[in-house]
Amino acid sequence: MTVLIVGADRIKAFEPKLRQWGASHILHWSARNTRCSKCVIPQKTDLVICCTDFLNHNMAKKVKQQIKERCLPAVYCRRAWCDMEKELNKLRAEDAAGDNACCWADKCRQCACRKAAN
């Protein structure tokens, strides 16, 4: 599983814990540089984690738009493992409850699985 972390300056403390969750590749955008708002989420990304306390509004808007367009699962939390783990547990519980994995992105109503269900 490939995980993209958006925001936060340092992610070294999260890497071993995310690997325990099944992440084989961990990508990081610090979002400090204004050029980051032009970045495109890599095609093979399986999960996006947005650290909201280290994310400017423009970057958050652009990333959220990409997440919705691609129906990617996303977690929005502060840059603290306790918050991140809580949100990851919610995500895993939704999946176990039978919700579609592609609808994790803010309960996207635009993706194909939602349109088929209606």
Protein backbone atom coordinates (compact mmCIF):
# COMPACT_ATOMS: atom_id res chain seq x y z
CA MET A 1 0.00 0.00 0.00
CA THR A 2 1.28 3.48 -0.89
CA VAL A 3 0.48 6.28 1.56
CA LEU A 4 0.84 9.99 0.83
CA ILE A 5 1.21 12.33 3.81
CA VAL A 6 0.41 15.96 3.01
CA GLY A 7 1.54 18.59 5.50
CA ALA A 8 3.87 18.14 8.48
CA ASP A 9 7.56 18.91 8.36
CA ARG A 10 8.85 15.61 9.71
CA ILE A 11 7.27 12.18 9.34
CA LYS A 12 10.06 9.87 10.53
CA ALA A 13 8.13 8.98 13.69
CA PHE A 14 5.10 7.87 11.64
CA GLU A 15 6.96 5.62 9.20
CA PRO A 16 7.39 2.50 11.41
CA LYS A 17 3.82 2.78 12.67
CA LEU A 18 2.41 3.17 9.15
CA ARG A 19 4.46 0.17 8.02
CA GLN A 20 2.71 -1.84 10.76
CA TRP A 21 -0.58 -0.73 9.19
CA GLY A 22 0.57 -2.18 5.87
CA ALA A 23 2.21 0.77 4.12
CA SER A 24 5.01 -0.36 1.86
CA HIS A 25 5.74 3.08 0.35
CA ILE A 26 5.33 6.37 2.19
CA LEU A 27 5.42 9.62 0.24
CA HIS A 28 5.55 13.05 1.85
CA TRP A 29 4.67 16.56 0.71
CA SER A 30 5.61 19.10 3.36
CA ALA A 31 3.33 21.74 1.75
CA ARG A 32 5.65 24.53 2.91
CA ASN A 33 6.64 25.33 -0.65
CA THR A 34 3.95 27.07 -2.73
CA ARG A 35 4.84 24.86 -5.68
CA CYS A 36 3.39 21.89 -3.79
CA SER A 37 -0.13 23.12 -4.57
CA LYS A 38 0.55 22.24 -8.22
CA CYS A 39 1.58 18.66 -7.43
CA VAL A 40 -0.59 15.78 -8.57
CA ILE A 41 -1.27 12.81 -6.31
CA PRO A 42 0.67 9.84 -7.74
CA GLN A 43 -1.43 7.28 -9.59
CA LYS A 44 -0.53 4.35 -7.32
CA THR A 45 -1.50 6.12 -4.08
CA ASP A 46 -3.83 4.02 -1.90
CA LEU A 47 -4.37 6.40 1.03
CA VAL A 48 -3.89 10.12 1.65
CA ILE A 49 -3.24 11.49 5.14
CA CYS A 50 -3.66 15.26 5.49
CA CYS A 51 -2.08 16.83 8.56
CA THR A 52 -4.43 19.78 8.86
CA ASP A 53 -2.43 21.78 11.39
CA PHE A 54 0.50 22.02 8.93
CA LEU A 55 -1.48 22.62 5.74
CA ASN A 56 -2.32 25.95 4.11
CA HIS A 57 -5.84 26.53 2.78
CA ASN A 58 -4.93 26.56 -0.89
CA MET A 59 -3.03 23.28 -0.65
CA ALA A 60 -5.83 21.67 1.36
CA LYS A 61 -8.39 22.71 -1.25
CA LYS A 62 -6.34 21.33 -4.15
CA VAL A 63 -5.54 18.04 -2.44
CA LYS A 64 -9.14 17.51 -1.32
CA GLN A 65 -10.33 18.13 -4.88
CA GLN A 66 -7.91 15.50 -6.23
CA ILE A 67 -8.99 13.04 -3.52
CA LYS A 68 -12.65 13.45 -4.46
CA GLU A 69 -11.99 13.21 -8.19
CA ARG A 70 -10.12 9.93 -7.76
CA CYS A 71 -12.28 8.62 -4.88
CA LEU A 72 -9.25 7.92 -2.72
CA PRO A 73 -9.54 7.07 0.96
CA ALA A 74 -8.38 10.02 3.04
CA VAL A 75 -7.69 10.82 6.67
CA TYR A 76 -7.76 14.38 7.99
CA CYS A 77 -6.06 14.84 11.36
CA ARG A 78 -3.52 16.81 13.35
CA ARG A 79 0.15 15.84 13.12
CA ALA A 80 0.02 13.49 16.08
CA TRP A 81 0.04 9.71 15.94
CA CYS A 82 -2.83 9.40 18.45
CA ASP A 83 -5.12 11.45 16.14
CA MET A 84 -3.89 9.69 13.03
CA GLU A 85 -4.39 6.25 14.53
CA LYS A 86 -7.92 7.14 15.66
CA GLU A 87 -8.85 8.24 12.12
CA LEU A 88 -7.21 5.16 10.56
CA ASN A 89 -9.23 2.96 12.93
CA LYS A 90 -12.43 4.74 11.83
CA LEU A 91 -11.48 4.16 8.22
CA ARG A 92 -10.83 0.48 8.85
CA ALA A 93 -14.11 0.13 10.77
CA GLU A 94 -16.06 1.66 7.87
CA ASP A 95 -14.44 -0.82 5.52
CA ALA A 96 -15.30 -3.72 7.80
CA ALA A 97 -18.89 -2.47 8.02
CA GLY A 98 -19.19 -2.94 4.28
CA ASP A 99 -18.74 0.61 3.00
CA ASN A 100 -16.93 0.82 -0.30
CA ALA A 101 -13.24 1.66 -0.01
CA CYS A 102 -13.46 4.16 -2.83
CA CYS A 103 -16.07 6.15 -0.90
CA TRP A 104 -13.79 6.91 2.03
CA ALA A 105 -12.91 10.27 0.50
CA ASP A 106 -15.39 12.39 2.41
CA LYS A 107 -18.22 10.04 1.37
CA CYS A 108 -17.78 11.04 -2.26
CA ARG A 109 -21.05 11.22 -4.17
CA GLN A 110 -19.38 11.57 -7.56
CA CYS A 111 -17.66 8.19 -7.90
CA ALA A 112 -19.07 5.33 -9.93
CA CYS A 113 -20.02 3.12 -6.98
CA ARG A 114 -22.27 5.85 -5.50
CA LYS A 115 -23.95 6.45 -8.85
CA ALA A 116 -24.55 2.72 -9.29
CA ALA A 117 -26.09 2.45 -5.82
CA ASN A 118 -28.62 5.22 -6.54
